[in-house]
Amino acid sequence: MQKFDDVLSFISQSFLKKDEQLEMQRTIGEASLIDIDIVKKTERTIRRVGIITIAREYTSIVEDRPDQQLLRWTVGKRAALDDNQQTFDWLHKGWILKEVRFKRDGKSVERIHYRMGYLLYVYLTNRQRDEHRDSINQFTQYQSNVAPKMEQIKYLHDERLHQLKGVASFLSDSLQWGLNDLDEQYIFPTNWSVSKRINALNFLLAFLMISSNKEIFDWKEIGAHYYPGIGGSKVFDAYKVEFLNFLETLGGHSLETLGMISGGQITSIYFAGELEGNWSSYRAGPVHALTSISVSQDHYSTRATTLWLVENRAVLTRISAESHFLQETNSLIICVDGHLRSAHKHFIRQLLLNSPIEQTIFWSDYDEAGLQIAGEMFQSLMGHAVRHKWICPDHSIISNWSEYQYNMESLLQYSKSEQEIVLGEAKDWRRWIYH
């Protein structure tokens, strides 16, 4: 049997306030529950302020698993539960305890709550310890696995490996991490557990290996190539979208560029203006669409000197519908459709490298997300010597990112709006171009 002193110590440290202590005044016969008074002692008074009701007996080894509803309880949680059979069972087994607090008269009930019991505390503490030990073992196994595989890959010097150098560098750095370093890596989404982060590292290594050895491959081949056994092809399926997005963010290239041509997802890129590719040609006027696959396998250029990057499709369709505007202003407009994907970034880089673009006009919504998207669009042009312009809600032009960011952050304190509200007319658009 678990020492009862440990239970009392847990209650005292977790639930009692200043100057409070426990006094075991009564037991309920041979019943399974015990009432313990909470008394507050000062130099002048002793006052009963509450009662704790707990299970009488506790096993030394917690073998049972608590109900799912209890797994998210914390020491600080106060729960109002119905007095039904389930509540009694939890109380009887030691998963929870009952706390009654009195008013100043020491008799009238002020509130009744149920709180974490000692057995639940022990169970969750043990589980956390086991998970930490499992994470250490999982991370150690990953590091012992990645070292020899990275040694093999580093001798490959083809274009594909060059595109994946950011991923390779990240994996090389991970060999020097401890478990705390893994938990502190800002590039991972903050809600990812340590185990999920380790799975993501294994996925990056699996992708790096197959992309370095195969020209094209399917999503299922990534896991099957890395875990050669039954079920290997499905090992990353639960986190498919998240891991692919993470890879694109880290690597900076579209998945199609890196060889994964059949992942079940195709990104559309909507645009208007003159565009030339090896296998396609588009004239200025109506809205057209490319796909992430065509962008990765073709090489595009434009004769446009002004590149518009807009957040919303409505802006794209309205400007493209203006008769002869694109031809007369030598403009190409790309809609990023919300946040930029790697396909958008790859397409933009192609145009900047292959075309006589002189300026880029950024136009996004005037809200927090729009400001973030404006920053993403600006980042996609870093390293290219073109003039930048941001369109403000009052139709003015700002040509410095820091100034635009400051103005928008000030604006967002009291108002928000969408691009379409301040769409303007062709005369406004021309003025922005020639500003």
Protein backbone atom coordinates (compact mmCIF):
# COMPACT_ATOMS: atom_id res chain seq x y z
CA MET A 1 0.00 0.00 0.00
CA GLN A 2 1.16 3.49 -0.79
CA LYS A 3 2.24 5.45 2.30
CA PHE A 4 -0.59 7.74 3.33
CA ASP A 5 1.92 10.43 4.28
CA ASP A 6 2.77 10.86 0.58
CA VAL A 7 -0.89 11.54 -0.17
CA LEU A 8 -1.16 14.12 2.60
CA SER A 9 2.07 15.77 1.48
CA PHE A 10 0.74 16.02 -2.10
CA ILE A 11 -2.48 17.68 -0.89
CA SER A 12 -0.63 20.10 1.39
CA GLN A 13 1.80 21.21 -1.29
CA SER A 14 -0.77 21.39 -4.09
CA PHE A 15 -4.00 22.74 -2.66
CA LEU A 16 -3.52 24.45 0.69
CA LYS A 17 -3.21 28.21 1.07
CA LYS A 18 -1.02 30.22 3.42
CA ASP A 19 -1.36 29.24 7.10
CA GLU A 20 -3.59 26.25 6.21
CA GLN A 21 -2.96 22.68 7.30
CA LEU A 22 -4.70 19.32 7.34
CA GLU A 23 -6.31 17.76 10.38
CA MET A 24 -7.80 14.28 10.13
CA GLN A 25 -10.85 14.61 12.37
CA ARG A 26 -13.19 11.94 11.12
CA THR A 27 -13.23 8.74 9.11
CA ILE A 28 -16.39 7.39 7.54
CA GLY A 29 -16.49 4.06 9.34
CA GLU A 30 -15.11 1.32 7.18
CA ALA A 31 -16.09 3.16 4.01
CA SER A 32 -13.72 3.76 1.15
CA LEU A 33 -13.49 7.53 1.68
CA ILE A 34 -11.90 9.75 4.33
CA ASP A 35 -12.76 13.35 5.27
CA ILE A 36 -9.87 15.61 6.27
CA ASP A 37 -10.42 19.09 7.69
CA ILE A 38 -8.59 22.09 6.33
CA VAL A 39 -7.87 24.48 9.19
CA LYS A 40 -6.30 27.90 9.11
CA LYS A 41 -4.10 28.70 12.09
CA THR A 42 -2.87 32.14 12.99
CA GLU A 43 -1.38 33.46 16.24
CA ARG A 44 -4.85 34.31 17.51
CA THR A 45 -7.34 31.95 15.85
CA ILE A 46 -7.91 28.44 14.58
CA ARG A 47 -10.68 28.22 11.99
CA ARG A 48 -12.01 25.37 9.89
CA VAL A 49 -12.08 26.60 6.30
CA GLY A 50 -12.80 23.44 4.34
CA ILE A 51 -12.90 19.67 3.95
CA ILE A 52 -10.95 17.40 1.63
CA THR A 53 -12.53 14.03 0.80
CA ILE A 54 -10.16 11.40 -0.56
CA ALA A 55 -9.92 7.67 -1.15
CA ARG A 56 -8.90 5.61 1.85
CA GLU A 57 -6.46 3.28 0.08
CA TYR A 58 -3.87 3.72 -2.66
CA THR A 59 -1.95 1.03 -4.49
CA SER A 60 1.81 1.30 -4.65
CA ILE A 61 1.86 0.61 -8.42
CA VAL A 62 -0.55 2.41 -10.73
CA GLU A 63 -1.56 -0.29 -13.20
CA ASP A 64 -4.93 0.98 -14.42
CA ARG A 65 -5.34 3.82 -16.91
CA PRO A 66 -7.65 6.70 -15.95
CA ASP A 67 -10.58 7.61 -18.17
CA GLN A 68 -9.77 9.78 -21.17
CA GLN A 69 -11.49 12.82 -19.66
CA LEU A 70 -8.96 12.88 -16.80
CA LEU A 71 -5.79 12.83 -18.89
CA ARG A 72 -5.85 16.61 -19.43
CA TRP A 73 -6.31 17.47 -15.76
CA THR A 74 -3.63 19.54 -14.05
CA VAL A 75 -2.90 20.23 -10.38
CA GLY A 76 -4.44 23.68 -10.73
CA LYS A 77 -7.69 22.49 -12.30
CA ARG A 78 -10.95 22.95 -10.38
CA ALA A 79 -13.84 20.97 -11.87
CA ALA A 80 -17.56 21.10 -11.07
CA LEU A 81 -18.80 17.53 -11.51
CA ASP A 82 -22.23 15.98 -11.10
CA ASP A 83 -22.63 13.71 -8.09
CA ASN A 84 -23.15 10.60 -10.20
CA GLN A 85 -21.70 7.10 -10.28
CA GLN A 86 -18.77 8.09 -12.51
CA THR A 87 -17.69 10.85 -10.13
CA PHE A 88 -17.94 8.47 -7.17
CA ASP A 89 -15.88 5.84 -9.00
CA TRP A 90 -13.14 8.37 -9.78
CA LEU A 91 -13.15 9.54 -6.16
CA HIS A 92 -13.18 5.99 -4.81
CA LYS A 93 -10.20 4.97 -6.99
CA GLY A 94 -8.13 8.01 -6.02
CA TRP A 95 -8.13 9.66 -9.45
CA ILE A 96 -9.78 12.77 -8.01
CA LEU A 97 -10.49 14.33 -4.62
CA LYS A 98 -13.33 16.52 -3.40
CA GLU A 99 -12.63 19.97 -1.97
CA VAL A 100 -15.32 21.82 -0.01
CA ARG A 101 -14.62 25.41 1.04
CA PHE A 102 -16.62 27.12 3.81
CA LYS A 103 -17.60 30.71 4.38
CA ARG A 104 -16.18 32.57 7.39
CA ASP A 105 -18.66 30.91 9.76
CA GLY A 106 -16.92 27.57 9.14
CA LYS A 107 -20.24 25.84 8.35
CA SER A 108 -21.90 27.37 5.30
CA VAL A 109 -20.58 25.98 2.04
CA GLU A 110 -19.01 28.58 -0.27
CA ARG A 111 -18.00 26.28 -3.13
CA ILE A 112 -17.42 22.62 -4.00
CA HIS A 113 -14.82 21.51 -6.52
CA TYR A 114 -13.17 18.30 -7.62
CA ARG A 115 -9.42 18.34 -8.11
CA MET A 116 -6.62 16.06 -9.22
CA GLY A 117 -6.21 13.10 -6.90
CA TYR A 118 -2.91 11.63 -5.77
CA LEU A 119 -3.24 8.54 -7.98
CA LEU A 120 -3.88 10.66 -11.08
CA TYR A 121 -0.87 12.83 -10.19
CA VAL A 122 1.34 9.73 -9.90
CA TYR A 123 0.01 8.31 -13.17
CA LEU A 124 0.57 11.53 -15.15
CA THR A 125 4.01 12.06 -13.58
CA ASN A 126 5.05 8.52 -14.51
CA ARG A 127 3.68 8.94 -18.02
CA GLN A 128 5.60 12.19 -18.49
CA ARG A 129 8.77 10.51 -17.26
CA ASP A 130 8.25 7.56 -19.60
CA GLU A 131 7.55 9.87 -22.55
CA HIS A 132 10.72 11.81 -21.82
CA ARG A 133 12.74 8.59 -21.69
CA ASP A 134 11.13 7.38 -24.92
CA SER A 135 11.92 10.73 -26.58
CA ILE A 136 15.56 10.45 -25.57
CA ASN A 137 15.74 6.93 -27.00
CA GLN A 138 13.91 7.99 -30.18
CA PHE A 139 16.18 10.99 -30.71
CA THR A 140 19.32 8.97 -29.99
CA GLN A 141 18.20 6.37 -32.52
CA TYR A 142 17.54 9.12 -35.09
CA GLN A 143 21.00 10.65 -34.58
CA SER A 144 22.73 7.29 -34.89
CA ASN A 145 20.76 6.67 -38.09
CA VAL A 146 21.30 10.05 -39.73
CA ALA A 147 25.10 10.22 -39.39
CA PRO A 148 26.03 7.36 -41.78
CA LYS A 149 23.30 8.31 -44.24
CA MET A 150 24.50 11.92 -44.38
CA GLU A 151 28.01 10.60 -44.94
CA GLN A 152 26.78 8.80 -48.06
CA ILE A 153 24.77 11.74 -49.38
CA LYS A 154 27.49 14.37 -49.05
CA TYR A 155 29.46 12.80 -51.90
CA LEU A 156 26.62 13.50 -54.35
CA HIS A 157 27.12 16.85 -56.08
CA ASP A 158 24.27 17.04 -58.54
CA GLU A 159 21.82 19.93 -58.96
CA ARG A 160 19.17 18.21 -56.86
CA LEU A 161 21.41 18.01 -53.82
CA HIS A 162 22.33 21.65 -54.30
CA GLN A 163 18.62 22.51 -54.11
CA LEU A 164 18.39 20.54 -50.88
CA LYS A 165 21.49 22.02 -49.25
CA GLY A 166 19.35 23.90 -46.71
CA VAL A 167 17.71 20.65 -45.61
CA ALA A 168 21.06 18.83 -45.55
CA SER A 169 22.61 21.59 -43.43
CA PHE A 170 19.67 21.49 -41.01
CA LEU A 171 20.00 17.72 -40.60
CA SER A 172 23.78 18.00 -40.09
CA ASP A 173 23.21 20.56 -37.35
CA SER A 174 20.72 18.22 -35.66
CA LEU A 175 23.54 15.77 -34.96
CA GLN A 176 24.91 18.21 -32.38
CA TRP A 177 21.59 18.83 -30.61
CA GLY A 178 20.41 17.55 -27.30
CA LEU A 179 16.73 16.97 -26.57
CA ASN A 180 16.36 20.50 -25.18
CA ASP A 181 17.84 21.95 -28.38
CA LEU A 182 15.24 20.07 -30.40
CA ASP A 183 12.47 21.49 -28.23
CA GLU A 184 13.80 25.05 -28.69
CA GLN A 185 14.14 25.07 -32.50
CA TYR A 186 11.97 28.00 -33.59
CA ILE A 187 11.51 26.65 -37.14
CA PHE A 188 9.19 23.89 -35.87
CA PRO A 189 5.56 24.85 -35.20
CA THR A 190 5.27 25.53 -31.48
CA ASN A 191 2.45 23.00 -31.00
CA TRP A 192 4.53 20.07 -32.30
CA SER A 193 5.53 17.59 -29.61
CA VAL A 194 9.10 16.36 -29.29
CA SER A 195 8.07 13.02 -30.81
CA LYS A 196 6.49 14.76 -33.81
CA ARG A 197 9.62 16.87 -34.31
CA ILE A 198 11.75 13.72 -34.37
CA ASN A 199 9.36 12.17 -36.91
CA ALA A 200 9.73 15.32 -39.00
CA LEU A 201 13.53 14.99 -38.92
CA ASN A 202 13.24 11.39 -40.08
CA PHE A 203 10.94 12.57 -42.87
CA LEU A 204 13.45 15.22 -43.97
CA LEU A 205 16.19 12.60 -44.07
CA ALA A 206 13.94 10.18 -45.96
CA PHE A 207 13.09 12.88 -48.51
CA LEU A 208 16.73 13.93 -48.86
CA MET A 209 17.79 10.34 -49.51
CA ILE A 210 15.19 9.53 -52.17
CA SER A 211 15.43 12.94 -53.86
CA SER A 212 19.20 12.54 -54.13
CA ASN A 213 18.88 9.12 -55.75
CA LYS A 214 15.74 9.26 -57.89
CA GLU A 215 14.78 11.76 -60.58
CA ILE A 216 11.05 11.45 -59.83
CA PHE A 217 9.12 9.64 -57.11
CA ASP A 218 5.74 9.29 -55.47
CA TRP A 219 4.75 10.27 -51.92
CA LYS A 220 4.44 6.63 -50.89
CA GLU A 221 7.99 5.90 -52.02
CA ILE A 222 9.47 8.26 -49.43
CA GLY A 223 8.48 6.14 -46.43
CA ALA A 224 8.92 2.84 -48.27
CA HIS A 225 12.47 3.75 -49.30
CA TYR A 226 13.38 4.85 -45.76
CA TYR A 227 11.60 2.04 -43.87
CA PRO A 228 11.93 -1.04 -46.12
CA GLY A 229 9.25 -3.22 -44.59
CA ILE A 230 5.51 -3.73 -44.47
CA GLY A 231 3.81 -0.45 -43.62
CA GLY A 232 6.82 1.70 -44.43
CA SER A 233 5.01 3.53 -47.21
CA LYS A 234 2.38 4.75 -44.72
CA VAL A 235 4.64 5.78 -41.87
CA PHE A 236 4.45 9.53 -42.61
CA ASP A 237 0.82 9.60 -43.82
CA ALA A 238 -0.63 11.02 -40.59
CA TYR A 239 1.41 14.20 -40.98
CA LYS A 240 1.58 14.40 -44.77
CA VAL A 241 0.39 17.98 -45.30
CA GLU A 242 2.26 19.36 -42.27
CA PHE A 243 5.55 17.67 -43.12
CA LEU A 244 5.41 18.70 -46.79
CA ASN A 245 4.70 22.30 -45.83
CA PHE A 246 7.57 22.15 -43.33
CA LEU A 247 9.90 20.81 -46.04
CA GLU A 248 8.89 23.57 -48.47
CA THR A 249 9.45 26.23 -45.82
CA LEU A 250 12.84 24.86 -44.87
CA GLY A 251 14.07 24.03 -48.38
CA GLY A 252 12.63 26.98 -50.29
CA HIS A 253 11.82 24.88 -53.37
CA SER A 254 8.62 23.33 -54.66
CA LEU A 255 8.19 19.61 -54.11
CA GLU A 256 7.90 19.06 -57.87
CA THR A 257 11.29 20.72 -58.37
CA LEU A 258 12.72 18.24 -55.88
CA GLY A 259 11.26 15.24 -57.70
CA MET A 260 7.98 14.49 -55.93
CA ILE A 261 5.60 14.81 -58.85
CA SER A 262 2.67 12.77 -57.52
CA GLY A 263 1.80 13.85 -54.01
CA GLY A 264 -1.90 14.25 -54.67
CA GLN A 265 -1.79 18.04 -54.42
CA ILE A 266 -1.38 20.58 -57.22
CA THR A 267 -1.02 24.30 -56.53
CA SER A 268 -2.64 26.66 -59.03
CA ILE A 269 -1.00 29.97 -59.85
CA TYR A 270 -3.35 32.56 -61.34
CA PHE A 271 -1.93 35.39 -63.44
CA ALA A 272 -2.66 37.82 -66.26
CA GLY A 273 -0.21 39.26 -68.74
CA GLU A 274 2.23 38.13 -71.39
CA LEU A 275 4.20 35.01 -70.52
CA GLU A 276 6.44 32.64 -72.45
CA GLY A 277 7.49 29.10 -71.59
CA ASN A 278 9.20 26.28 -73.46
CA TRP A 279 5.86 24.52 -74.03
CA SER A 280 3.35 27.32 -73.64
CA SER A 281 2.70 30.94 -74.51
CA TYR A 282 0.15 33.37 -73.04
CA ARG A 283 -1.01 36.74 -74.30
CA ALA A 284 -2.00 39.67 -72.11
CA GLY A 285 -5.71 39.98 -71.44
CA PRO A 286 -7.69 37.20 -69.69
CA VAL A 287 -6.76 35.44 -66.48
CA HIS A 288 -4.67 32.29 -66.98
CA ALA A 289 -3.43 29.61 -64.57
CA LEU A 290 -0.25 27.59 -64.24
CA THR A 291 0.28 24.63 -61.92
CA SER A 292 3.10 23.91 -59.50
CA ILE A 293 4.13 21.02 -61.77
CA SER A 294 4.37 23.17 -64.90
CA VAL A 295 6.37 25.80 -63.01
CA SER A 296 8.83 23.16 -61.81
CA GLN A 297 9.31 21.59 -65.25
CA ASP A 298 9.20 24.64 -67.53
CA HIS A 299 11.15 27.91 -67.74
CA TYR A 300 9.08 31.07 -67.94
CA SER A 301 9.89 34.65 -68.88
CA THR A 302 7.94 37.82 -69.63
CA ARG A 303 8.55 41.04 -71.54
CA ALA A 304 6.72 42.95 -68.82
CA THR A 305 8.67 45.58 -66.90
CA THR A 306 6.13 45.91 -64.05
CA LEU A 307 5.28 42.89 -61.90
CA TRP A 308 2.18 43.11 -59.70
CA LEU A 309 1.85 40.73 -56.73
CA VAL A 310 -1.69 40.84 -55.35
CA GLU A 311 -3.32 38.89 -52.55
CA ASN A 312 -6.85 38.38 -53.90
CA ARG A 313 -8.30 36.95 -57.11
CA ALA A 314 -10.89 39.73 -57.33
CA VAL A 315 -8.14 42.29 -57.84
CA LEU A 316 -6.54 40.14 -60.53
CA THR A 317 -9.80 39.67 -62.45
CA ARG A 318 -10.76 43.35 -62.20
CA ILE A 319 -7.43 44.70 -63.47
CA SER A 320 -7.12 42.09 -66.21
CA ALA A 321 -10.62 42.97 -67.43
CA GLU A 322 -9.59 46.60 -68.04
CA SER A 323 -9.25 46.81 -71.83
CA HIS A 324 -5.63 46.97 -73.03
CA PHE A 325 -4.33 47.98 -69.58
CA LEU A 326 -1.83 45.13 -69.31
CA GLN A 327 -0.46 45.67 -72.83
CA GLU A 328 -0.25 49.45 -72.56
CA THR A 329 1.47 49.42 -69.15
CA ASN A 330 3.64 46.39 -69.91
CA SER A 331 2.37 44.65 -66.74
CA LEU A 332 2.19 41.07 -65.47
CA ILE A 333 -0.06 40.38 -62.47
CA ILE A 334 0.29 37.33 -60.21
CA CYS A 335 -2.28 36.44 -57.54
CA VAL A 336 -0.67 34.72 -54.54
CA ASP A 337 -4.10 33.54 -53.31
CA GLY A 338 -3.35 34.22 -49.66
CA HIS A 339 -0.03 33.04 -48.24
CA LEU A 340 2.72 32.25 -50.75
CA ARG A 341 3.50 28.62 -51.46
CA SER A 342 6.87 27.49 -52.73
CA ALA A 343 5.45 27.25 -56.26
CA HIS A 344 4.69 30.98 -56.21
CA LYS A 345 8.18 31.76 -54.96
CA HIS A 346 9.78 29.55 -57.60
CA PHE A 347 7.71 31.17 -60.36
CA ILE A 348 8.58 34.69 -59.17
CA ARG A 349 12.30 33.86 -59.02
CA GLN A 350 12.15 32.48 -62.58
CA LEU A 351 10.62 35.70 -63.87
CA LEU A 352 13.11 37.92 -62.06
CA LEU A 353 16.04 35.94 -63.46
CA ASN A 354 14.74 35.64 -67.02
CA SER A 355 12.84 38.91 -67.58
CA PRO A 356 13.45 42.71 -67.79
CA ILE A 357 11.32 43.46 -64.72
CA GLU A 358 12.13 46.90 -63.35
CA GLN A 359 9.63 47.29 -60.52
CA THR A 360 7.26 45.23 -58.37
CA ILE A 361 4.00 46.54 -56.94
CA PHE A 362 2.73 44.78 -53.80
CA TRP A 363 -0.96 44.92 -52.96
CA SER A 364 -2.51 43.00 -50.06
CA ASP A 365 -5.37 43.40 -47.58
CA TYR A 366 -5.07 45.98 -44.84
CA ASP A 367 -5.28 43.62 -41.90
CA GLU A 368 -2.81 41.53 -39.86
CA ALA A 369 -2.80 38.66 -42.38
CA GLY A 370 -2.40 41.11 -45.26
CA LEU A 371 0.64 42.66 -43.61
CA GLN A 372 2.17 39.22 -43.14
CA ILE A 373 1.48 38.35 -46.79
CA ALA A 374 3.02 41.65 -47.90
CA GLY A 375 6.15 40.68 -46.00
CA GLU A 376 6.19 37.23 -47.61
CA MET A 377 5.87 38.77 -51.07
CA PHE A 378 8.73 41.16 -50.32
CA GLN A 379 10.91 38.31 -49.04
CA SER A 380 10.33 36.39 -52.28
CA LEU A 381 12.16 39.20 -54.15
CA MET A 382 15.16 39.46 -51.85
CA GLY A 383 18.44 39.55 -53.75
CA HIS A 384 16.95 41.02 -56.93
CA ALA A 385 17.60 44.67 -57.78
CA VAL A 386 14.12 45.90 -58.67
CA ARG A 387 12.16 48.83 -57.33
CA HIS A 388 9.49 48.02 -54.73
CA LYS A 389 6.17 49.80 -54.22
CA TRP A 390 3.42 49.17 -51.66
CA ILE A 391 -0.12 50.45 -52.20
CA CYS A 392 -1.66 52.11 -49.15
CA PRO A 393 -5.39 52.37 -48.30
CA ASP A 394 -5.44 56.06 -49.28
CA HIS A 395 -3.98 55.19 -52.73
CA SER A 396 -0.57 56.61 -51.81
CA ILE A 397 2.65 54.74 -52.62
CA ILE A 398 5.40 53.74 -50.21
CA SER A 399 8.69 52.43 -51.61
CA ASN A 400 10.34 51.25 -48.37
CA TRP A 401 9.31 48.09 -46.53
CA SER A 402 10.12 49.37 -43.04
CA GLU A 403 8.05 52.50 -43.63
CA TYR A 404 5.12 50.49 -45.01
CA GLN A 405 5.28 48.05 -42.11
CA TYR A 406 5.29 50.90 -39.57
CA ASN A 407 2.37 52.66 -41.28
CA MET A 408 0.33 49.46 -41.45
CA GLU A 409 0.95 48.55 -37.81
CA SER A 410 -0.22 52.03 -36.83
CA LEU A 411 -3.29 51.73 -39.08
CA LEU A 412 -4.26 48.31 -37.71
CA GLN A 413 -4.67 49.74 -34.23
CA TYR A 414 -7.97 51.31 -35.30
CA SER A 415 -9.07 49.97 -38.72
CA LYS A 416 -8.88 47.11 -41.19
CA SER A 417 -10.03 46.73 -44.80
CA GLU A 418 -9.70 44.55 -47.91
CA GLN A 419 -8.03 45.36 -51.20
CA GLU A 420 -11.33 45.43 -53.05
CA ILE A 421 -12.63 48.33 -50.95
CA VAL A 422 -9.89 50.61 -52.26
CA LEU A 423 -9.58 49.03 -55.71
CA GLY A 424 -9.64 52.33 -57.59
CA GLU A 425 -9.73 52.77 -61.36
CA ALA A 426 -7.30 52.42 -64.26
CA LYS A 427 -6.11 56.02 -63.82
CA ASP A 428 -5.07 55.14 -60.25
CA TRP A 429 -3.26 52.01 -61.36
CA ARG A 430 -1.37 53.92 -64.04
CA ARG A 431 -0.37 56.59 -61.52
CA TRP A 432 1.08 53.89 -59.25
CA ILE A 433 3.10 52.44 -62.11
CA TYR A 434 4.58 55.77 -63.17
CA HIS A 435 4.94 57.19 -59.65
